[in-house]
Amino acid sequence: DVVLGQPDLGTNRAGSGRDGLNWPLNLTTDGRRLIVADTSNDRVLIWNEILTRNATPADIVLAGDPRLGIDRRGAVLWPWGVWSDGTRLAVSSTRGSQVLLWDRFPTRDGQPPDRVLTAGGRMGTPRHITSDGRALMVGDHNPRVGNGQAGAFVWTSFPTGEEDASFFLPSQPWARGSIGPYGRAWIFSQTFGAWRWPLSSASQPADLMLQPPCSSGGDYESVAFVGERLYVACGNDNRVVGYERMPTADARPTIVLGAPDLETNTLLSRHIVQNGALATDGRSLFAASDFDRRLSIWSALRGGPSTRTPST
């Protein structure tokens, strides 16, 4: 229905203005605002309301200066992950080896964070942020712990200071996901499954494991819920797939967005969801696509199994 970062769904141009995007890698919404990690522009863009017009300029820009270097505290550098509950905001400064926390939602351009997390200096390149406001998980591709194997730092309660993580969860690739209904975290690592949330230890077993919903694998799947309908962005398949209802162990996707069917890869066609990152306000579905530098919005997801592509 709407595209941000481009004037229309057929355009693919990098932009650095308030109406442009360059490699948008993640996004989140609190149901009112839309927050996008504009990764290659070293900034986070914030729209104060959900948009209905293509290429609407952002209201707030939280920008880092690439010249500051990777050790400059509080800088937004190559951000991969964003999360908000409407009051707090968390941003992973991937090239800065830190996660930035605002205790009150920013209201102006360039507003500095209130706190900085480094997991006791062990963060390397923090990527995704998974949280429901009670606990926090930060996936890290190159942590400075053990042998540098990818994984996630987990805080069993949401940090109020700059305290170290409760534990490190090794995984390959880094763990990332979303908190769904019934207090479960749906997490990708080597596998895809549901865990009781908050996680309690690195050895906590999964409640449910699913067959991989993405045919070509990859290291950038993401998850969002609209009601009890589960959507998965398949990073290397260039599409979003969905489960009509809460899946069980033998469930397979029945919905596809951005492609005509579950088999077709649309990389060379008009509708691309490459390395898609998902967010929802409970009614609409937002998908950021890094390769073609745009964000697509499906504003009325309802009815039975279907295949849909976005339209302007």
C-alpha atoms as a PDB file:
ATOM      1  CA  ASP A   1       0.000   0.000   0.000  1.00  0.00           C
ATOM      2  CA  VAL A   2       2.819   2.431   0.860  1.00  0.00           C
ATOM      3  CA  VAL A   3       6.575   2.569   0.237  1.00  0.00           C
ATOM      4  CA  LEU A   4       9.070   4.678   2.200  1.00  0.00           C
ATOM      5  CA  GLY A   5      12.566   5.559   1.024  1.00  0.00           C
ATOM      6  CA  GLN A   6      11.530   5.524  -2.657  1.00  0.00           C
ATOM      7  CA  PRO A   7       8.927   7.504  -4.623  1.00  0.00           C
ATOM      8  CA  ASP A   8       7.309   4.266  -5.868  1.00  0.00           C
ATOM      9  CA  LEU A   9       7.718   0.492  -5.836  1.00  0.00           C
ATOM     10  CA  GLY A  10       9.611   0.478  -9.131  1.00  0.00           C
ATOM     11  CA  THR A  11      12.449   2.759  -8.009  1.00  0.00           C
ATOM     12  CA  ASN A  12      15.746   1.744  -6.401  1.00  0.00           C
ATOM     13  CA  ARG A  13      17.996   4.683  -5.512  1.00  0.00           C
ATOM     14  CA  ALA A  14      20.121   5.272  -2.437  1.00  0.00           C
ATOM     15  CA  GLY A  15      19.099   8.443  -0.634  1.00  0.00           C
ATOM     16  CA  SER A  16      20.424  10.336   2.373  1.00  0.00           C
ATOM     17  CA  GLY A  17      17.665  12.928   2.800  1.00  0.00           C
ATOM     18  CA  ARG A  18      14.816  12.550   5.259  1.00  0.00           C
ATOM     19  CA  ASP A  19      12.781  10.844   2.537  1.00  0.00           C
ATOM     20  CA  GLY A  20      15.591   8.446   1.479  1.00  0.00           C
ATOM     21  CA  LEU A  21      17.060   5.147   2.667  1.00  0.00           C
ATOM     22  CA  ASN A  22      20.255   3.222   2.029  1.00  0.00           C
ATOM     23  CA  TRP A  23      20.298  -0.396   3.194  1.00  0.00           C
ATOM     24  CA  PRO A  24      17.490  -0.293   5.793  1.00  0.00           C
ATOM     25  CA  LEU A  25      18.247  -3.352   7.899  1.00  0.00           C
ATOM     26  CA  ASN A  26      15.696  -3.267  10.682  1.00  0.00           C
ATOM     27  CA  LEU A  27      12.585  -1.528  11.950  1.00  0.00           C
ATOM     28  CA  THR A  28      10.110  -1.504  14.804  1.00  0.00           C
ATOM     29  CA  THR A  29       6.882   0.214  15.804  1.00  0.00           C
ATOM     30  CA  ASP A  30       5.106   0.922  19.072  1.00  0.00           C
ATOM     31  CA  GLY A  31       1.778   1.027  17.207  1.00  0.00           C
ATOM     32  CA  ARG A  32       2.023   4.753  16.565  1.00  0.00           C
ATOM     33  CA  ARG A  33       5.590   5.597  15.570  1.00  0.00           C
ATOM     34  CA  LEU A  34       7.734   3.843  12.966  1.00  0.00           C
ATOM     35  CA  ILE A  35      11.481   3.500  13.656  1.00  0.00           C
ATOM     36  CA  VAL A  36      13.883   2.345  10.909  1.00  0.00           C
ATOM     37  CA  ALA A  37      17.606   1.515  11.069  1.00  0.00           C
ATOM     38  CA  ASP A  38      18.974   3.281   7.973  1.00  0.00           C
ATOM     39  CA  THR A  39      22.161   1.303   8.207  1.00  0.00           C
ATOM     40  CA  SER A  40      24.462   2.569   5.457  1.00  0.00           C
ATOM     41  CA  ASN A  41      23.544   6.176   6.291  1.00  0.00           C
ATOM     42  CA  ASP A  42      24.679   5.652   9.925  1.00  0.00           C
ATOM     43  CA  ARG A  43      21.376   6.829  11.334  1.00  0.00           C
ATOM     44  CA  VAL A  44      17.950   5.911  12.697  1.00  0.00           C
ATOM     45  CA  LEU A  45      14.856   7.507  11.140  1.00  0.00           C
ATOM     46  CA  ILE A  46      11.656   8.031  13.148  1.00  0.00           C
ATOM     47  CA  TRP A  47       8.184   8.797  11.790  1.00  0.00           C
ATOM     48  CA  ASN A  48       5.801   9.972  14.521  1.00  0.00           C
ATOM     49  CA  GLU A  49       2.806   8.341  12.870  1.00  0.00           C
ATOM     50  CA  ILE A  50       2.140   5.454  10.504  1.00  0.00           C
ATOM     51  CA  LEU A  51       2.338   6.711   6.924  1.00  0.00           C
ATOM     52  CA  THR A  52      -0.169   6.680   4.091  1.00  0.00           C
ATOM     53  CA  ARG A  53       1.893   8.545   1.449  1.00  0.00           C
ATOM     54  CA  ASN A  54       4.953   7.309  -0.468  1.00  0.00           C
ATOM     55  CA  ALA A  55       8.395   8.794   0.364  1.00  0.00           C
ATOM     56  CA  THR A  56       7.158  10.748   3.399  1.00  0.00           C
ATOM     57  CA  PRO A  57      10.139  12.486   5.115  1.00  0.00           C
ATOM     58  CA  ALA A  58      11.120  11.295   8.591  1.00  0.00           C
ATOM     59  CA  ASP A  59      10.262  13.492  11.584  1.00  0.00           C
ATOM     60  CA  ILE A  60      13.366  12.720  13.692  1.00  0.00           C
ATOM     61  CA  VAL A  61      16.896  11.695  12.668  1.00  0.00           C
ATOM     62  CA  LEU A  62      19.329  10.104  15.133  1.00  0.00           C
ATOM     63  CA  ALA A  63      22.602  10.191  13.205  1.00  0.00           C
ATOM     64  CA  GLY A  64      26.148   9.055  13.843  1.00  0.00           C
ATOM     65  CA  ASP A  65      29.233  10.505  12.235  1.00  0.00           C
ATOM     66  CA  PRO A  66      31.353   7.793  10.521  1.00  0.00           C
ATOM     67  CA  ARG A  67      34.438   9.938  11.148  1.00  0.00           C
ATOM     68  CA  LEU A  68      34.062   9.412  14.900  1.00  0.00           C
ATOM     69  CA  GLY A  69      35.475   5.881  14.707  1.00  0.00           C
ATOM     70  CA  ILE A  70      34.282   2.648  16.310  1.00  0.00           C
ATOM     71  CA  ASP A  71      35.127   3.570  19.915  1.00  0.00           C
ATOM     72  CA  ARG A  72      33.217   6.842  20.217  1.00  0.00           C
ATOM     73  CA  ARG A  73      30.684   6.344  22.981  1.00  0.00           C
ATOM     74  CA  GLY A  74      27.032   6.901  22.103  1.00  0.00           C
ATOM     75  CA  ALA A  75      27.493   7.254  18.331  1.00  0.00           C
ATOM     76  CA  VAL A  76      24.970   5.687  15.920  1.00  0.00           C
ATOM     77  CA  LEU A  77      27.335   3.755  13.629  1.00  0.00           C
ATOM     78  CA  TRP A  78      26.045   1.195  11.076  1.00  0.00           C
ATOM     79  CA  PRO A  79      22.922   0.412  13.155  1.00  0.00           C
ATOM     80  CA  TRP A  80      21.414  -3.047  12.571  1.00  0.00           C
ATOM     81  CA  GLY A  81      18.817  -3.349  15.327  1.00  0.00           C
ATOM     82  CA  VAL A  82      16.046  -1.123  16.729  1.00  0.00           C
ATOM     83  CA  TRP A  83      13.412  -1.781  19.399  1.00  0.00           C
ATOM     84  CA  SER A  84      10.891   0.362  21.270  1.00  0.00           C
ATOM     85  CA  ASP A  85       7.920  -0.060  23.592  1.00  0.00           C
ATOM     86  CA  GLY A  86       6.793   3.534  23.006  1.00  0.00           C
ATOM     87  CA  THR A  87       8.669   4.859  26.025  1.00  0.00           C
ATOM     88  CA  ARG A  88      12.161   3.387  25.717  1.00  0.00           C
ATOM     89  CA  LEU A  89      14.255   3.049  22.568  1.00  0.00           C
ATOM     90  CA  ALA A  90      17.166   0.657  21.968  1.00  0.00           C
ATOM     91  CA  VAL A  91      19.531   0.848  18.974  1.00  0.00           C
ATOM     92  CA  SER A  92      22.461  -1.438  18.168  1.00  0.00           C
ATOM     93  CA  SER A  93      25.451   0.646  17.083  1.00  0.00           C
ATOM     94  CA  THR A  94      27.030  -2.264  15.240  1.00  0.00           C
ATOM     95  CA  ARG A  95      30.266  -0.613  14.191  1.00  0.00           C
ATOM     96  CA  GLY A  96      30.415   1.099  17.580  1.00  0.00           C
ATOM     97  CA  SER A  97      30.329  -2.232  19.516  1.00  0.00           C
ATOM     98  CA  GLN A  98      27.527  -0.972  21.752  1.00  0.00           C
ATOM     99  CA  VAL A  99      23.768  -0.794  22.247  1.00  0.00           C
ATOM    100  CA  LEU A 100      22.320   2.654  22.850  1.00  0.00           C
ATOM    101  CA  LEU A 101      19.374   3.103  25.238  1.00  0.00           C
ATOM    102  CA  TRP A 102      17.006   6.051  25.563  1.00  0.00           C
ATOM    103  CA  ASP A 103      14.925   5.888  28.766  1.00  0.00           C
ATOM    104  CA  ARG A 104      12.470   8.394  27.294  1.00  0.00           C
ATOM    105  CA  PHE A 105      11.659   8.333  23.609  1.00  0.00           C
ATOM    106  CA  PRO A 106      13.733  10.904  21.642  1.00  0.00           C
ATOM    107  CA  THR A 107      11.906  14.058  20.603  1.00  0.00           C
ATOM    108  CA  ARG A 108      14.590  15.890  18.591  1.00  0.00           C
ATOM    109  CA  ASP A 109      17.257  15.268  15.990  1.00  0.00           C
ATOM    110  CA  GLY A 110      20.564  13.978  17.328  1.00  0.00           C
ATOM    111  CA  GLN A 111      19.313  13.471  20.897  1.00  0.00           C
ATOM    112  CA  PRO A 112      22.060  11.497  22.707  1.00  0.00           C
ATOM    113  CA  PRO A 113      21.279   8.183  24.445  1.00  0.00           C
ATOM    114  CA  ASP A 114      20.832   8.004  28.199  1.00  0.00           C
ATOM    115  CA  ARG A 115      22.871   4.826  28.598  1.00  0.00           C
ATOM    116  CA  VAL A 116      25.257   2.630  26.630  1.00  0.00           C
ATOM    117  CA  LEU A 117      25.538  -1.167  26.884  1.00  0.00           C
ATOM    118  CA  THR A 118      28.776  -2.958  25.943  1.00  0.00           C
ATOM    119  CA  ALA A 119      28.247  -6.285  27.831  1.00  0.00           C
ATOM    120  CA  GLY A 120      31.265  -5.506  29.945  1.00  0.00           C
ATOM    121  CA  GLY A 121      33.321  -4.642  26.879  1.00  0.00           C
ATOM    122  CA  ARG A 122      32.548  -7.988  25.215  1.00  0.00           C
ATOM    123  CA  MET A 123      30.309  -6.745  22.392  1.00  0.00           C
ATOM    124  CA  GLY A 124      31.885  -6.972  18.958  1.00  0.00           C
ATOM    125  CA  THR A 125      29.342  -6.225  16.217  1.00  0.00           C
ATOM    126  CA  PRO A 126      25.906  -6.291  17.915  1.00  0.00           C
ATOM    127  CA  ARG A 127      23.088  -6.883  15.389  1.00  0.00           C
ATOM    128  CA  HIS A 128      19.473  -7.695  16.282  1.00  0.00           C
ATOM    129  CA  ILE A 129      17.612  -6.615  19.415  1.00  0.00           C
ATOM    130  CA  THR A 130      14.881  -8.877  20.828  1.00  0.00           C
ATOM    131  CA  SER A 131      12.794  -7.634  23.759  1.00  0.00           C
ATOM    132  CA  ASP A 132       9.329  -7.220  25.220  1.00  0.00           C
ATOM    133  CA  GLY A 133      10.457  -4.616  27.742  1.00  0.00           C
ATOM    134  CA  ARG A 134      10.940  -7.188  30.505  1.00  0.00           C
ATOM    135  CA  ALA A 135      14.190  -8.728  29.270  1.00  0.00           C
ATOM    136  CA  LEU A 136      16.679  -8.041  26.483  1.00  0.00           C
ATOM    137  CA  MET A 137      18.576 -10.183  23.955  1.00  0.00           C
ATOM    138  CA  VAL A 138      21.208  -8.730  21.611  1.00  0.00           C
ATOM    139  CA  GLY A 139      22.538 -10.907  18.797  1.00  0.00           C
ATOM    140  CA  ASP A 140      26.258 -10.398  18.109  1.00  0.00           C
ATOM    141  CA  HIS A 141      28.099 -11.576  14.995  1.00  0.00           C
ATOM    142  CA  ASN A 142      31.650 -11.135  16.361  1.00  0.00           C
ATOM    143  CA  PRO A 143      31.505 -11.080  20.177  1.00  0.00           C
ATOM    144  CA  ARG A 144      34.663 -10.609  22.212  1.00  0.00           C
ATOM    145  CA  VAL A 145      34.015 -13.717  24.259  1.00  0.00           C
ATOM    146  CA  GLY A 146      35.237 -17.310  23.961  1.00  0.00           C
ATOM    147  CA  ASN A 147      36.455 -18.034  20.453  1.00  0.00           C
ATOM    148  CA  GLY A 148      34.424 -15.209  18.926  1.00  0.00           C
ATOM    149  CA  GLN A 149      31.590 -17.516  17.851  1.00  0.00           C
ATOM    150  CA  ALA A 150      28.370 -15.667  17.025  1.00  0.00           C
ATOM    151  CA  GLY A 151      25.574 -15.685  19.576  1.00  0.00           C
ATOM    152  CA  ALA A 152      23.567 -13.369  21.799  1.00  0.00           C
ATOM    153  CA  PHE A 153      23.992 -11.487  25.049  1.00  0.00           C
ATOM    154  CA  VAL A 154      20.942 -11.898  27.302  1.00  0.00           C
ATOM    155  CA  TRP A 155      19.769  -9.680  30.146  1.00  0.00           C
ATOM    156  CA  THR A 156      17.133 -11.601  32.133  1.00  0.00           C
ATOM    157  CA  SER A 157      15.644  -8.273  33.240  1.00  0.00           C
ATOM    158  CA  PHE A 158      15.731  -5.076  31.210  1.00  0.00           C
ATOM    159  CA  PRO A 159      18.912  -3.184  32.137  1.00  0.00           C
ATOM    160  CA  THR A 160      18.441  -0.023  34.162  1.00  0.00           C
ATOM    161  CA  GLY A 161      22.111   0.916  34.241  1.00  0.00           C
ATOM    162  CA  GLU A 162      25.087  -0.204  32.213  1.00  0.00           C
ATOM    163  CA  GLU A 163      25.362  -3.638  33.828  1.00  0.00           C
ATOM    164  CA  ASP A 164      26.859  -6.654  32.113  1.00  0.00           C
ATOM    165  CA  ALA A 165      24.645  -9.273  30.461  1.00  0.00           C
ATOM    166  CA  SER A 166      23.244 -12.145  32.564  1.00  0.00           C
ATOM    167  CA  PHE A 167      24.732 -14.735  30.183  1.00  0.00           C
ATOM    168  CA  PHE A 168      25.958 -15.325  26.642  1.00  0.00           C
ATOM    169  CA  LEU A 169      24.016 -17.674  24.352  1.00  0.00           C
ATOM    170  CA  PRO A 170      26.322 -19.224  21.701  1.00  0.00           C
ATOM    171  CA  SER A 171      24.730 -19.827  18.304  1.00  0.00           C
ATOM    172  CA  GLN A 172      25.650 -19.812  14.639  1.00  0.00           C
ATOM    173  CA  PRO A 173      24.545 -17.482  13.175  1.00  0.00           C
ATOM    174  CA  TRP A 174      23.637 -14.987  15.884  1.00  0.00           C
ATOM    175  CA  ALA A 175      20.316 -15.522  17.696  1.00  0.00           C
ATOM    176  CA  ARG A 176      17.442 -13.152  16.879  1.00  0.00           C
ATOM    177  CA  GLY A 177      13.649 -13.252  16.968  1.00  0.00           C
ATOM    178  CA  SER A 178      10.442 -11.774  18.304  1.00  0.00           C
ATOM    179  CA  ILE A 179       8.241 -12.156  21.378  1.00  0.00           C
ATOM    180  CA  GLY A 180       4.897 -13.655  20.377  1.00  0.00           C
ATOM    181  CA  PRO A 181       1.684 -14.664  22.142  1.00  0.00           C
ATOM    182  CA  TYR A 182       1.653 -16.842  25.271  1.00  0.00           C
ATOM    183  CA  GLY A 183       5.026 -15.596  26.554  1.00  0.00           C
ATOM    184  CA  ARG A 184       7.138 -17.328  23.920  1.00  0.00           C
ATOM    185  CA  ALA A 185      10.163 -16.022  22.069  1.00  0.00           C
ATOM    186  CA  TRP A 186      10.372 -17.238  18.454  1.00  0.00           C
ATOM    187  CA  ILE A 187      14.100 -17.382  17.771  1.00  0.00           C
ATOM    188  CA  PHE A 188      16.284 -18.128  14.767  1.00  0.00           C
ATOM    189  CA  SER A 189      19.854 -19.396  15.155  1.00  0.00           C
ATOM    190  CA  GLN A 190      20.894 -22.679  13.562  1.00  0.00           C
ATOM    191  CA  THR A 191      17.252 -23.655  13.991  1.00  0.00           C
ATOM    192  CA  PHE A 192      13.830 -22.029  14.357  1.00  0.00           C
ATOM    193  CA  GLY A 193      11.653 -22.582  17.393  1.00  0.00           C
ATOM    194  CA  ALA A 194       9.821 -21.150  20.405  1.00  0.00           C
ATOM    195  CA  TRP A 195      11.284 -20.719  23.883  1.00  0.00           C
ATOM    196  CA  ARG A 196       9.708 -19.570  27.144  1.00  0.00           C
ATOM    197  CA  TRP A 197      10.540 -15.911  27.690  1.00  0.00           C
ATOM    198  CA  PRO A 198      12.484 -14.495  29.423  1.00  0.00           C
ATOM    199  CA  LEU A 199      15.265 -16.949  28.716  1.00  0.00           C
ATOM    200  CA  SER A 200      16.774 -18.246  31.946  1.00  0.00           C
ATOM    201  CA  SER A 201      20.075 -19.798  30.834  1.00  0.00           C
ATOM    202  CA  ALA A 202      22.169 -20.698  27.792  1.00  0.00           C
ATOM    203  CA  SER A 203      21.034 -24.331  28.137  1.00  0.00           C
ATOM    204  CA  GLN A 204      17.265 -23.688  28.292  1.00  0.00           C
ATOM    205  CA  PRO A 205      15.494 -26.152  25.936  1.00  0.00           C
ATOM    206  CA  ALA A 206      12.977 -25.042  23.315  1.00  0.00           C
ATOM    207  CA  ASP A 207       9.246 -25.609  23.841  1.00  0.00           C
ATOM    208  CA  LEU A 208       8.709 -26.195  20.117  1.00  0.00           C
ATOM    209  CA  MET A 209      10.929 -26.662  17.057  1.00  0.00           C
ATOM    210  CA  LEU A 210       9.675 -26.028  13.499  1.00  0.00           C
ATOM    211  CA  GLN A 211      10.879 -27.147  10.112  1.00  0.00           C
ATOM    212  CA  PRO A 212      12.864 -24.288   8.520  1.00  0.00           C
ATOM    213  CA  PRO A 213      10.281 -22.136   6.679  1.00  0.00           C
ATOM    214  CA  CYS A 214      12.863 -20.627   4.302  1.00  0.00           C
ATOM    215  CA  SER A 215      14.116 -22.841   1.490  1.00  0.00           C
ATOM    216  CA  SER A 216      17.540 -21.265   0.939  1.00  0.00           C
ATOM    217  CA  GLY A 217      18.505 -20.657   4.549  1.00  0.00           C
ATOM    218  CA  GLY A 218      20.596 -17.600   5.336  1.00  0.00           C
ATOM    219  CA  ASP A 219      21.431 -15.598   8.422  1.00  0.00           C
ATOM    220  CA  TYR A 220      18.803 -12.874   8.371  1.00  0.00           C
ATOM    221  CA  GLU A 221      15.349 -14.333   8.953  1.00  0.00           C
ATOM    222  CA  SER A 222      13.018 -12.258  11.133  1.00  0.00           C
ATOM    223  CA  VAL A 223       9.595 -12.768  12.731  1.00  0.00           C
ATOM    224  CA  ALA A 224       6.427 -10.740  13.396  1.00  0.00           C
ATOM    225  CA  PHE A 225       2.888 -11.528  14.585  1.00  0.00           C
ATOM    226  CA  VAL A 226      -0.441 -10.095  13.460  1.00  0.00           C
ATOM    227  CA  GLY A 227      -2.776 -11.551  16.067  1.00  0.00           C
ATOM    228  CA  GLU A 228      -1.917 -15.260  16.139  1.00  0.00           C
ATOM    229  CA  ARG A 229      -0.765 -15.254  12.520  1.00  0.00           C
ATOM    230  CA  LEU A 230       3.019 -15.716  12.318  1.00  0.00           C
ATOM    231  CA  TYR A 231       5.037 -14.096   9.509  1.00  0.00           C
ATOM    232  CA  VAL A 232       8.661 -14.917   8.663  1.00  0.00           C
ATOM    233  CA  ALA A 233      10.910 -12.843   6.375  1.00  0.00           C
ATOM    234  CA  CYS A 234      13.136 -15.253   4.433  1.00  0.00           C
ATOM    235  CA  GLY A 235      16.342 -13.327   3.811  1.00  0.00           C
ATOM    236  CA  ASN A 236      17.660 -15.196   0.772  1.00  0.00           C
ATOM    237  CA  ASP A 237      14.253 -16.164  -0.669  1.00  0.00           C
ATOM    238  CA  ASN A 238      13.122 -12.552  -1.283  1.00  0.00           C
ATOM    239  CA  ARG A 239       9.687 -13.037   0.243  1.00  0.00           C
ATOM    240  CA  VAL A 240       7.672 -13.129   3.466  1.00  0.00           C
ATOM    241  CA  VAL A 241       5.866 -16.365   4.389  1.00  0.00           C
ATOM    242  CA  GLY A 242       3.129 -16.824   6.950  1.00  0.00           C
ATOM    243  CA  TYR A 243       1.292 -19.359   9.086  1.00  0.00           C
ATOM    244  CA  GLU A 244      -2.474 -18.899   9.193  1.00  0.00           C
ATOM    245  CA  ARG A 245      -2.568 -19.808  12.885  1.00  0.00           C
ATOM    246  CA  MET A 246      -0.115 -20.530  15.687  1.00  0.00           C
ATOM    247  CA  PRO A 247       2.096 -23.290  14.220  1.00  0.00           C
ATOM    248  CA  THR A 248       2.688 -26.760  15.611  1.00  0.00           C
ATOM    249  CA  ALA A 249       5.784 -28.904  15.058  1.00  0.00           C
ATOM    250  CA  ASP A 250       4.687 -30.203  11.643  1.00  0.00           C
ATOM    251  CA  ALA A 251       3.261 -26.910  10.297  1.00  0.00           C
ATOM    252  CA  ARG A 252       4.304 -25.448   6.942  1.00  0.00           C
ATOM    253  CA  PRO A 253       3.667 -21.882   5.693  1.00  0.00           C
ATOM    254  CA  THR A 254       0.408 -21.278   3.790  1.00  0.00           C
ATOM    255  CA  ILE A 255       0.799 -17.535   3.026  1.00  0.00           C
ATOM    256  CA  VAL A 256       3.344 -15.760   0.850  1.00  0.00           C
ATOM    257  CA  LEU A 257       3.826 -11.989   0.453  1.00  0.00           C
ATOM    258  CA  GLY A 258       5.990 -10.408  -2.241  1.00  0.00           C
ATOM    259  CA  ALA A 259       6.004 -13.495  -4.494  1.00  0.00           C
ATOM    260  CA  PRO A 260       3.390 -15.451  -6.475  1.00  0.00           C
ATOM    261  CA  ASP A 261       3.999 -18.706  -4.583  1.00  0.00           C
ATOM    262  CA  LEU A 262       6.214 -20.435  -2.024  1.00  0.00           C
ATOM    263  CA  GLU A 263       8.731 -21.609  -4.628  1.00  0.00           C
ATOM    264  CA  THR A 264       9.392 -18.538  -6.786  1.00  0.00           C
ATOM    265  CA  ASN A 265      12.384 -16.349  -5.927  1.00  0.00           C
ATOM    266  CA  THR A 266      11.605 -12.792  -7.054  1.00  0.00           C
ATOM    267  CA  LEU A 267      15.121 -11.349  -6.826  1.00  0.00           C
ATOM    268  CA  LEU A 268      15.064 -10.062 -10.435  1.00  0.00           C
ATOM    269  CA  SER A 269      11.423  -8.967 -10.486  1.00  0.00           C
ATOM    270  CA  ARG A 270       9.680  -5.850  -9.231  1.00  0.00           C
ATOM    271  CA  HIS A 271       8.633  -7.155  -5.818  1.00  0.00           C
ATOM    272  CA  ILE A 272      11.669  -7.873  -3.640  1.00  0.00           C
ATOM    273  CA  VAL A 273      11.880  -8.504   0.083  1.00  0.00           C
ATOM    274  CA  GLN A 274      15.636  -9.114   0.355  1.00  0.00           C
ATOM    275  CA  ASN A 275      17.015  -9.666   3.868  1.00  0.00           C
ATOM    276  CA  GLY A 276      13.583  -8.574   5.035  1.00  0.00           C
ATOM    277  CA  ALA A 277      13.118  -7.212   8.534  1.00  0.00           C
ATOM    278  CA  LEU A 278       9.555  -7.288   9.894  1.00  0.00           C
ATOM    279  CA  ALA A 279       7.518  -5.232  12.340  1.00  0.00           C
ATOM    280  CA  THR A 280       3.802  -4.958  13.110  1.00  0.00           C
ATOM    281  CA  ASP A 281       1.424  -2.732  15.042  1.00  0.00           C
ATOM    282  CA  GLY A 282      -1.025  -5.633  15.344  1.00  0.00           C
ATOM    283  CA  ARG A 283      -2.919  -4.694  12.166  1.00  0.00           C
ATOM    284  CA  SER A 284      -0.403  -3.842   9.432  1.00  0.00           C
ATOM    285  CA  LEU A 285       2.830  -5.537   8.422  1.00  0.00           C
ATOM    286  CA  PHE A 286       6.007  -3.552   7.660  1.00  0.00           C
ATOM    287  CA  ALA A 287       8.909  -5.105   5.707  1.00  0.00           C
ATOM    288  CA  ALA A 288      12.251  -3.357   5.201  1.00  0.00           C
ATOM    289  CA  SER A 289      14.184  -4.595   2.156  1.00  0.00           C
ATOM    290  CA  ASP A 290      17.886  -3.747   2.220  1.00  0.00           C
ATOM    291  CA  PHE A 291      18.877  -4.580  -1.365  1.00  0.00           C
ATOM    292  CA  ASP A 292      16.327  -2.314  -3.014  1.00  0.00           C
ATOM    293  CA  ARG A 293      16.416   0.312  -0.253  1.00  0.00           C
ATOM    294  CA  ARG A 294      12.728   0.503   0.566  1.00  0.00           C
ATOM    295  CA  LEU A 295      10.109  -0.297   3.149  1.00  0.00           C
ATOM    296  CA  SER A 296       6.777  -1.859   2.128  1.00  0.00           C
ATOM    297  CA  ILE A 297       3.569  -1.722   4.167  1.00  0.00           C
ATOM    298  CA  TRP A 298       0.614  -4.132   3.931  1.00  0.00           C
ATOM    299  CA  SER A 299      -2.195  -2.311   5.727  1.00  0.00           C
ATOM    300  CA  ALA A 300      -5.047  -4.861   5.760  1.00  0.00           C
ATOM    301  CA  LEU A 301      -3.927  -8.416   6.462  1.00  0.00           C
ATOM    302  CA  ARG A 302      -6.971 -10.550   7.036  1.00  0.00           C
ATOM    303  CA  GLY A 303      -8.912 -13.411   5.492  1.00  0.00           C
ATOM    304  CA  GLY A 304      -7.753 -16.901   4.558  1.00  0.00           C
ATOM    305  CA  PRO A 305      -4.589 -18.280   2.962  1.00  0.00           C
ATOM    306  CA  SER A 306      -3.451 -15.970   0.206  1.00  0.00           C
ATOM    307  CA  THR A 307      -0.621 -14.734  -1.969  1.00  0.00           C
ATOM    308  CA  ARG A 308      -0.194 -10.973  -2.105  1.00  0.00           C
ATOM    309  CA  THR A 309       2.267  -8.448  -3.466  1.00  0.00           C
ATOM    310  CA  PRO A 310       2.388  -4.825  -2.311  1.00  0.00           C
ATOM    311  CA  SER A 311       0.896  -2.065  -4.445  1.00  0.00           C
ATOM    312  CA  THR A 312       1.412   1.677  -4.411  1.00  0.00           C
END
